[in-house]
Amino acid sequence: MEQFVWKDEYSVGVKLINEQHQRFFEIANSVMAFSEEGNPDPERLLALLGELENYAFYHLSTEEEYFREFRYEDAALHISVHNLFRETMK
């Protein structure tokens, strides 16, 4: 499976958010590499998925702080999408 590669076109123009999105790519690539192993370890899978979930929750909180700070006009809609993701991950 082809890895996720960060491209400048994905930039949202906010350094911290871009860095966090790039970290998501790294974690997702780790999950994909794991899935291609011949004899995957279930405990390692849980650890990787836990890392993805924890980082996602951290990242979503960071985005929501920016929404408040900069009074993002579509914050309510964006936060509702975040909350759907949170529920799905749980």
Protein backbone atom coordinates (compact mmCIF):
# COMPACT_ATOMS: atom_id res chain seq x y z
CA MET A 1 0.00 0.00 0.00
CA GLU A 2 1.30 3.46 -0.88
CA GLN A 3 2.27 5.72 2.01
CA PHE A 4 0.76 9.11 2.71
CA VAL A 5 3.08 11.89 1.59
CA TRP A 6 2.64 15.48 2.76
CA LYS A 7 2.25 18.02 -0.05
CA ASP A 8 2.31 21.79 0.24
CA GLU A 9 -1.21 21.88 -1.20
CA TYR A 10 -2.47 20.35 2.06
CA SER A 11 -1.25 23.35 4.03
CA VAL A 12 -3.85 25.32 5.97
CA GLY A 13 -1.43 28.21 6.47
CA VAL A 14 -0.96 27.60 10.20
CA LYS A 15 2.44 26.15 11.11
CA LEU A 16 1.34 24.21 14.21
CA ILE A 17 -1.72 22.73 12.51
CA ASN A 18 0.34 21.72 9.47
CA GLU A 19 2.90 20.05 11.74
CA GLN A 20 0.14 18.15 13.50
CA HIS A 21 -1.38 17.05 10.20
CA GLN A 22 2.06 15.82 9.13
CA ARG A 23 2.29 13.83 12.37
CA PHE A 24 -1.03 12.19 11.44
CA PHE A 25 0.55 11.10 8.17
CA GLU A 26 3.44 9.55 10.11
CA ILE A 27 1.12 7.63 12.43
CA ALA A 28 -1.10 6.50 9.54
CA ASN A 29 1.98 5.31 7.66
CA SER A 30 3.01 3.30 10.74
CA VAL A 31 -0.43 1.66 10.83
CA MET A 32 -0.22 0.84 7.12
CA ALA A 33 3.30 -0.60 7.45
CA PHE A 34 2.08 -2.70 10.37
CA SER A 35 -0.87 -4.00 8.34
CA GLU A 36 1.52 -5.24 5.65
CA GLU A 37 3.53 -7.37 8.07
CA GLY A 38 3.06 -11.09 7.64
CA ASN A 39 2.39 -11.91 11.29
CA PRO A 40 0.96 -8.82 13.01
CA ASP A 41 1.05 -8.52 16.79
CA PRO A 42 -2.43 -7.63 18.15
CA GLU A 43 -0.95 -5.71 21.09
CA ARG A 44 1.10 -3.56 18.75
CA LEU A 45 -2.00 -2.89 16.65
CA LEU A 46 -3.88 -1.71 19.73
CA ALA A 47 -0.93 0.51 20.67
CA LEU A 48 -0.82 2.07 17.20
CA LEU A 49 -4.56 2.65 17.12
CA GLY A 50 -4.38 4.12 20.63
CA GLU A 51 -1.64 6.47 19.48
CA LEU A 52 -3.77 7.54 16.52
CA GLU A 53 -6.80 8.14 18.72
CA ASN A 54 -4.88 10.05 21.39
CA TYR A 55 -3.14 12.23 18.84
CA ALA A 56 -6.42 12.89 17.04
CA PHE A 57 -8.09 14.05 20.25
CA TYR A 58 -5.10 16.27 21.05
CA HIS A 59 -5.12 17.73 17.54
CA LEU A 60 -8.86 18.38 17.49
CA SER A 61 -8.56 20.27 20.79
CA THR A 62 -5.76 22.36 19.30
CA GLU A 63 -7.90 23.22 16.28
CA GLU A 64 -10.83 24.15 18.49
CA GLU A 65 -8.62 26.48 20.54
CA TYR A 66 -7.69 28.23 17.30
CA PHE A 67 -11.36 28.46 16.32
CA ARG A 68 -12.11 30.29 19.56
CA GLU A 69 -9.03 32.50 19.45
CA PHE A 70 -9.63 33.64 15.88
CA ARG A 71 -13.44 33.52 16.02
CA TYR A 72 -13.71 31.09 13.13
CA GLU A 73 -17.16 31.59 11.62
CA ASP A 74 -17.74 27.91 10.78
CA ALA A 75 -16.54 26.68 14.17
CA ALA A 76 -19.85 25.12 15.23
CA LEU A 77 -20.08 23.01 12.08
CA HIS A 78 -16.43 22.01 12.23
CA ILE A 79 -16.69 21.08 15.93
CA SER A 80 -19.77 18.93 15.20
CA VAL A 81 -17.67 16.98 12.67
CA HIS A 82 -14.92 16.66 15.29
CA ASN A 83 -17.46 15.30 17.76
CA LEU A 84 -18.69 12.70 15.26
CA PHE A 85 -15.10 11.58 14.82
CA ARG A 86 -14.62 11.41 18.60
CA GLU A 87 -17.70 9.23 18.96
CA THR A 88 -16.61 6.96 16.12
CA MET A 89 -13.17 6.51 17.69
CA LYS A 90 -14.67 5.59 21.07
